[in-house]
Amino acid sequence: MENYKLVMPEHLNQYGFLFGGHLLMWVDEVAWIAATLAFPDCRFVTVAMDSVEFKKGVREGTILRFTVDNCRKGRTSVTWEVRVWREQEEIFSNHVTLVRIDENGEKTTLPS
């Protein structure tokens, strides 16, 4: 799956670079979208991101491309690899694990 975001002035820190928190929010969001598309009738919450290392700074007006690939399906959780690109250069990558929950917020098994 691919998704795109445009970096706007409200996404920048006081030095004119993208706030890391915005990028993490977008990474979390695209992983959740991928999980929800793969398992349409399931509720998911994020339980883990494997590491956070920002490889390059990002300025206003940049169009970021997010690629999302399934890495692992467990009994109650799924893990997605999210990679973020500026043109042809990878600027960030992370593994995001989401767990399926029921209406009471308890872990429950994924469908086959």
N, C-alpha and C. Protein backbone atom coordinates (compact mmCIF):
# COMPACT_ATOMS: atom_id res chain seq x y z
N MET A 1 0.84 -1.17 0.00
CA MET A 1 0.00 0.00 0.00
C MET A 1 0.89 1.24 0.00
N GLU A 2 0.43 2.27 -0.67
CA GLU A 2 1.13 3.56 -0.67
C GLU A 2 0.18 4.65 -0.22
N ASN A 3 0.76 5.67 0.41
CA ASN A 3 0.00 6.84 0.82
C ASN A 3 0.94 8.03 0.73
N TYR A 4 0.38 9.23 0.69
CA TYR A 4 1.18 10.44 0.56
C TYR A 4 0.72 11.50 1.55
N LYS A 5 1.66 12.33 1.98
CA LYS A 5 1.37 13.48 2.83
C LYS A 5 2.18 14.67 2.33
N LEU A 6 1.56 15.84 2.38
CA LEU A 6 2.22 17.09 2.05
C LEU A 6 2.61 17.78 3.34
N VAL A 7 3.88 18.16 3.47
CA VAL A 7 4.36 18.83 4.68
C VAL A 7 3.99 20.32 4.58
N MET A 8 3.16 20.75 5.51
CA MET A 8 2.62 22.12 5.54
C MET A 8 3.29 22.91 6.68
N PRO A 9 3.13 24.24 6.69
CA PRO A 9 3.76 25.06 7.73
C PRO A 9 3.41 24.62 9.15
N GLU A 10 2.18 24.16 9.37
CA GLU A 10 1.77 23.74 10.72
C GLU A 10 2.44 22.44 11.19
N HIS A 11 3.15 21.77 10.30
CA HIS A 11 3.86 20.54 10.66
C HIS A 11 5.31 20.79 11.06
N LEU A 12 5.77 22.05 11.00
CA LEU A 12 7.18 22.37 11.19
C LEU A 12 7.50 22.79 12.62
N ASN A 13 8.76 22.54 13.01
CA ASN A 13 9.24 23.04 14.30
C ASN A 13 9.77 24.46 14.14
N GLN A 14 10.31 25.00 15.21
CA GLN A 14 10.79 26.40 15.19
C GLN A 14 11.99 26.61 14.28
N TYR A 15 12.61 25.53 13.78
CA TYR A 15 13.76 25.64 12.89
C TYR A 15 13.40 25.40 11.43
N GLY A 16 12.10 25.17 11.18
CA GLY A 16 11.65 24.99 9.81
C GLY A 16 11.69 23.57 9.29
N PHE A 17 11.87 22.61 10.19
CA PHE A 17 11.88 21.19 9.80
C PHE A 17 10.62 20.50 10.33
N LEU A 18 10.27 19.40 9.68
CA LEU A 18 9.12 18.61 10.10
C LEU A 18 9.32 18.12 11.54
N PHE A 19 8.30 18.34 12.39
CA PHE A 19 8.31 17.78 13.73
C PHE A 19 8.30 16.26 13.64
N GLY A 20 9.15 15.60 14.39
CA GLY A 20 9.18 14.14 14.41
C GLY A 20 7.85 13.54 14.83
N GLY A 21 7.15 14.20 15.74
CA GLY A 21 5.86 13.69 16.21
C GLY A 21 4.82 13.61 15.10
N HIS A 22 4.85 14.56 14.18
CA HIS A 22 3.92 14.49 13.03
C HIS A 22 4.23 13.28 12.17
N LEU A 23 5.52 13.05 11.92
CA LEU A 23 5.89 11.90 11.09
C LEU A 23 5.47 10.60 11.77
N LEU A 24 5.69 10.50 13.08
CA LEU A 24 5.28 9.29 13.80
C LEU A 24 3.77 9.09 13.75
N MET A 25 3.01 10.18 13.86
CA MET A 25 1.55 10.10 13.76
C MET A 25 1.14 9.56 12.39
N TRP A 26 1.78 10.06 11.33
CA TRP A 26 1.44 9.60 9.97
C TRP A 26 1.83 8.13 9.78
N VAL A 27 2.98 7.73 10.32
CA VAL A 27 3.41 6.33 10.22
C VAL A 27 2.39 5.44 10.92
N ASP A 28 1.96 5.83 12.11
CA ASP A 28 0.96 5.08 12.86
C ASP A 28 -0.35 5.01 12.07
N GLU A 29 -0.75 6.12 11.50
CA GLU A 29 -2.00 6.19 10.74
C GLU A 29 -1.98 5.27 9.51
N VAL A 30 -0.91 5.29 8.74
CA VAL A 30 -0.88 4.45 7.53
C VAL A 30 -0.80 2.96 7.89
N ALA A 31 -0.14 2.62 9.00
CA ALA A 31 -0.13 1.22 9.45
C ALA A 31 -1.53 0.79 9.85
N TRP A 32 -2.25 1.66 10.57
CA TRP A 32 -3.63 1.35 10.97
C TRP A 32 -4.52 1.19 9.74
N ILE A 33 -4.37 2.06 8.75
CA ILE A 33 -5.16 1.95 7.51
C ILE A 33 -4.88 0.61 6.84
N ALA A 34 -3.61 0.23 6.74
CA ALA A 34 -3.26 -1.05 6.10
C ALA A 34 -3.90 -2.22 6.85
N ALA A 35 -3.83 -2.20 8.18
CA ALA A 35 -4.43 -3.28 8.97
C ALA A 35 -5.94 -3.33 8.79
N THR A 36 -6.56 -2.17 8.77
CA THR A 36 -8.01 -2.10 8.63
C THR A 36 -8.46 -2.54 7.23
N LEU A 37 -7.69 -2.23 6.21
CA LEU A 37 -8.02 -2.71 4.87
C LEU A 37 -7.83 -4.21 4.75
N ALA A 38 -6.81 -4.75 5.42
CA ALA A 38 -6.54 -6.19 5.36
C ALA A 38 -7.56 -6.99 6.19
N PHE A 39 -8.05 -6.40 7.27
CA PHE A 39 -9.01 -7.05 8.17
C PHE A 39 -10.16 -6.08 8.44
N PRO A 40 -11.08 -5.93 7.48
CA PRO A 40 -12.06 -4.84 7.49
C PRO A 40 -13.00 -4.78 8.70
N ASP A 41 -13.32 -5.88 9.32
CA ASP A 41 -14.27 -5.85 10.43
C ASP A 41 -13.59 -5.90 11.79
N CYS A 42 -12.32 -5.54 11.84
CA CYS A 42 -11.55 -5.62 13.09
C CYS A 42 -11.23 -4.22 13.61
N ARG A 43 -11.12 -4.12 14.93
CA ARG A 43 -10.67 -2.89 15.59
C ARG A 43 -9.20 -3.09 15.96
N PHE A 44 -8.38 -2.09 15.71
CA PHE A 44 -6.95 -2.19 16.01
C PHE A 44 -6.48 -1.02 16.85
N VAL A 45 -5.51 -1.30 17.71
CA VAL A 45 -4.76 -0.26 18.41
C VAL A 45 -3.27 -0.57 18.25
N THR A 46 -2.48 0.47 18.23
CA THR A 46 -1.03 0.30 18.11
C THR A 46 -0.45 -0.10 19.46
N VAL A 47 0.40 -1.12 19.45
CA VAL A 47 1.06 -1.55 20.68
C VAL A 47 2.56 -1.34 20.65
N ALA A 48 3.16 -1.19 19.45
CA ALA A 48 4.62 -1.03 19.42
C ALA A 48 5.08 -0.42 18.10
N MET A 49 6.17 0.32 18.21
CA MET A 49 6.99 0.74 17.08
C MET A 49 8.40 0.30 17.45
N ASP A 50 9.11 -0.29 16.49
CA ASP A 50 10.39 -0.93 16.87
C ASP A 50 11.52 0.04 17.17
N SER A 51 11.62 1.13 16.42
CA SER A 51 12.70 2.09 16.69
C SER A 51 12.35 3.40 16.00
N VAL A 52 12.98 4.45 16.49
CA VAL A 52 12.75 5.77 15.90
C VAL A 52 14.10 6.40 15.62
N GLU A 53 14.40 6.53 14.33
CA GLU A 53 15.63 7.20 13.90
C GLU A 53 15.31 8.00 12.65
N PHE A 54 15.36 9.31 12.78
CA PHE A 54 15.08 10.19 11.65
C PHE A 54 16.37 10.35 10.86
N LYS A 55 16.36 9.86 9.61
CA LYS A 55 17.59 9.83 8.81
C LYS A 55 17.88 11.14 8.10
N LYS A 56 16.84 11.91 7.78
CA LYS A 56 17.01 13.17 7.05
C LYS A 56 15.96 14.17 7.54
N GLY A 57 16.29 15.45 7.48
CA GLY A 57 15.33 16.50 7.79
C GLY A 57 14.39 16.71 6.61
N VAL A 58 13.21 17.21 6.91
CA VAL A 58 12.19 17.44 5.88
C VAL A 58 11.69 18.87 6.01
N ARG A 59 11.59 19.57 4.90
CA ARG A 59 11.15 20.97 4.86
C ARG A 59 9.72 21.10 4.34
N GLU A 60 9.16 22.28 4.55
CA GLU A 60 7.82 22.61 4.06
C GLU A 60 7.71 22.39 2.56
N GLY A 61 6.56 21.89 2.13
CA GLY A 61 6.32 21.69 0.71
C GLY A 61 6.74 20.32 0.20
N THR A 62 7.42 19.54 1.04
CA THR A 62 7.85 18.21 0.63
C THR A 62 6.65 17.27 0.58
N ILE A 63 6.59 16.47 -0.47
CA ILE A 63 5.58 15.41 -0.55
C ILE A 63 6.26 14.12 -0.11
N LEU A 64 5.75 13.54 0.96
CA LEU A 64 6.30 12.29 1.47
C LEU A 64 5.48 11.13 0.96
N ARG A 65 6.17 10.06 0.58
CA ARG A 65 5.50 8.82 0.14
C ARG A 65 5.73 7.76 1.21
N PHE A 66 4.64 7.13 1.62
CA PHE A 66 4.67 6.08 2.63
C PHE A 66 4.38 4.75 1.95
N THR A 67 5.26 3.77 2.14
CA THR A 67 5.00 2.43 1.64
C THR A 67 4.79 1.53 2.86
N VAL A 68 3.80 0.64 2.75
CA VAL A 68 3.44 -0.21 3.88
C VAL A 68 3.37 -1.65 3.40
N ASP A 69 4.13 -2.52 4.06
CA ASP A 69 4.15 -3.94 3.72
C ASP A 69 3.94 -4.77 4.98
N ASN A 70 3.14 -5.84 4.84
CA ASN A 70 2.91 -6.73 5.97
C ASN A 70 4.15 -7.55 6.24
N CYS A 71 4.56 -7.60 7.50
CA CYS A 71 5.74 -8.37 7.90
C CYS A 71 5.37 -9.65 8.63
N ARG A 72 4.34 -9.56 9.47
CA ARG A 72 4.03 -10.69 10.32
C ARG A 72 2.58 -10.65 10.75
N LYS A 73 1.95 -11.81 10.79
CA LYS A 73 0.60 -11.95 11.34
C LYS A 73 0.67 -12.95 12.47
N GLY A 74 0.30 -12.52 13.65
CA GLY A 74 0.26 -13.40 14.80
C GLY A 74 -1.17 -13.84 15.09
N ARG A 75 -1.36 -14.32 16.29
CA ARG A 75 -2.70 -14.77 16.69
C ARG A 75 -3.65 -13.59 16.91
N THR A 76 -3.14 -12.51 17.55
CA THR A 76 -3.96 -11.35 17.85
C THR A 76 -3.42 -10.05 17.24
N SER A 77 -2.23 -10.11 16.63
CA SER A 77 -1.60 -8.87 16.16
C SER A 77 -1.03 -9.02 14.76
N VAL A 78 -0.79 -7.87 14.15
CA VAL A 78 -0.14 -7.79 12.84
C VAL A 78 0.96 -6.73 12.92
N THR A 79 2.03 -6.98 12.17
CA THR A 79 3.14 -6.02 12.12
C THR A 79 3.34 -5.59 10.69
N TRP A 80 3.48 -4.28 10.51
CA TRP A 80 3.66 -3.68 9.19
C TRP A 80 4.98 -2.94 9.16
N GLU A 81 5.69 -3.06 8.04
CA GLU A 81 6.88 -2.24 7.82
C GLU A 81 6.44 -0.99 7.07
N VAL A 82 6.70 0.16 7.68
CA VAL A 82 6.36 1.45 7.06
C VAL A 82 7.67 2.13 6.71
N ARG A 83 7.80 2.49 5.45
CA ARG A 83 8.98 3.22 4.97
C ARG A 83 8.50 4.55 4.41
N VAL A 84 9.28 5.60 4.69
CA VAL A 84 8.92 6.95 4.27
C VAL A 84 9.99 7.45 3.31
N TRP A 85 9.52 7.99 2.19
CA TRP A 85 10.41 8.40 1.10
C TRP A 85 10.21 9.88 0.77
N ARG A 86 11.31 10.56 0.49
CA ARG A 86 11.32 11.89 -0.12
C ARG A 86 11.93 11.69 -1.49
N GLU A 87 11.09 11.79 -2.53
CA GLU A 87 11.48 11.42 -3.88
C GLU A 87 11.98 9.98 -3.86
N GLN A 88 13.22 9.71 -4.23
CA GLN A 88 13.73 8.33 -4.24
C GLN A 88 14.57 7.99 -3.02
N GLU A 89 14.60 8.89 -2.03
CA GLU A 89 15.44 8.72 -0.85
C GLU A 89 14.60 8.32 0.36
N GLU A 90 14.96 7.20 0.97
CA GLU A 90 14.27 6.77 2.19
C GLU A 90 14.75 7.63 3.34
N ILE A 91 13.79 8.24 4.07
CA ILE A 91 14.17 9.11 5.18
C ILE A 91 13.80 8.52 6.54
N PHE A 92 12.98 7.46 6.55
CA PHE A 92 12.54 6.87 7.82
C PHE A 92 11.97 5.49 7.54
N SER A 93 12.15 4.57 8.50
CA SER A 93 11.48 3.27 8.42
C SER A 93 11.20 2.78 9.83
N ASN A 94 10.19 1.94 9.95
CA ASN A 94 9.76 1.49 11.25
C ASN A 94 8.88 0.27 11.08
N HIS A 95 8.84 -0.60 12.09
CA HIS A 95 7.88 -1.69 12.15
C HIS A 95 6.83 -1.31 13.19
N VAL A 96 5.57 -1.35 12.78
CA VAL A 96 4.46 -0.97 13.65
C VAL A 96 3.62 -2.21 13.91
N THR A 97 3.40 -2.51 15.18
CA THR A 97 2.58 -3.66 15.55
C THR A 97 1.26 -3.17 16.12
N LEU A 98 0.18 -3.71 15.55
CA LEU A 98 -1.17 -3.39 16.00
C LEU A 98 -1.83 -4.66 16.51
N VAL A 99 -2.62 -4.52 17.55
CA VAL A 99 -3.34 -5.67 18.10
C VAL A 99 -4.83 -5.47 17.89
N ARG A 100 -5.51 -6.56 17.62
CA ARG A 100 -6.97 -6.52 17.46
C ARG A 100 -7.60 -6.53 18.85
N ILE A 101 -8.58 -5.64 19.03
CA ILE A 101 -9.31 -5.60 20.31
C ILE A 101 -10.80 -5.75 20.05
N ASP A 102 -11.50 -6.20 21.10
CA ASP A 102 -12.96 -6.31 21.02
C ASP A 102 -13.58 -5.01 21.51
N GLU A 103 -14.91 -4.99 21.62
CA GLU A 103 -15.62 -3.77 22.02
C GLU A 103 -15.32 -3.35 23.46
N ASN A 104 -14.72 -4.25 24.27
CA ASN A 104 -14.34 -3.93 25.65
C ASN A 104 -12.87 -3.54 25.77
N GLY A 105 -12.16 -3.50 24.64
CA GLY A 105 -10.75 -3.14 24.65
C GLY A 105 -9.83 -4.29 24.99
N GLU A 106 -10.34 -5.52 24.95
CA GLU A 106 -9.53 -6.70 25.25
C GLU A 106 -9.00 -7.32 23.95
N LYS A 107 -7.78 -7.87 24.03
CA LYS A 107 -7.22 -8.54 22.86
C LYS A 107 -8.12 -9.69 22.42
N THR A 108 -8.21 -9.85 21.10
CA THR A 108 -9.00 -10.95 20.56
C THR A 108 -8.31 -11.47 19.30
N THR A 109 -8.61 -12.68 18.90
CA THR A 109 -7.90 -13.30 17.78
C THR A 109 -8.30 -12.68 16.44
N LEU A 110 -7.34 -12.72 15.53
CA LEU A 110 -7.57 -12.26 14.17
C LEU A 110 -8.32 -13.33 13.37
N PRO A 111 -9.09 -12.92 12.38
CA PRO A 111 -9.71 -13.93 11.50
C PRO A 111 -8.67 -14.64 10.65
N SER A 112 -9.00 -15.83 10.21
CA SER A 112 -8.07 -16.62 9.39
C SER A 112 -7.84 -15.98 8.05
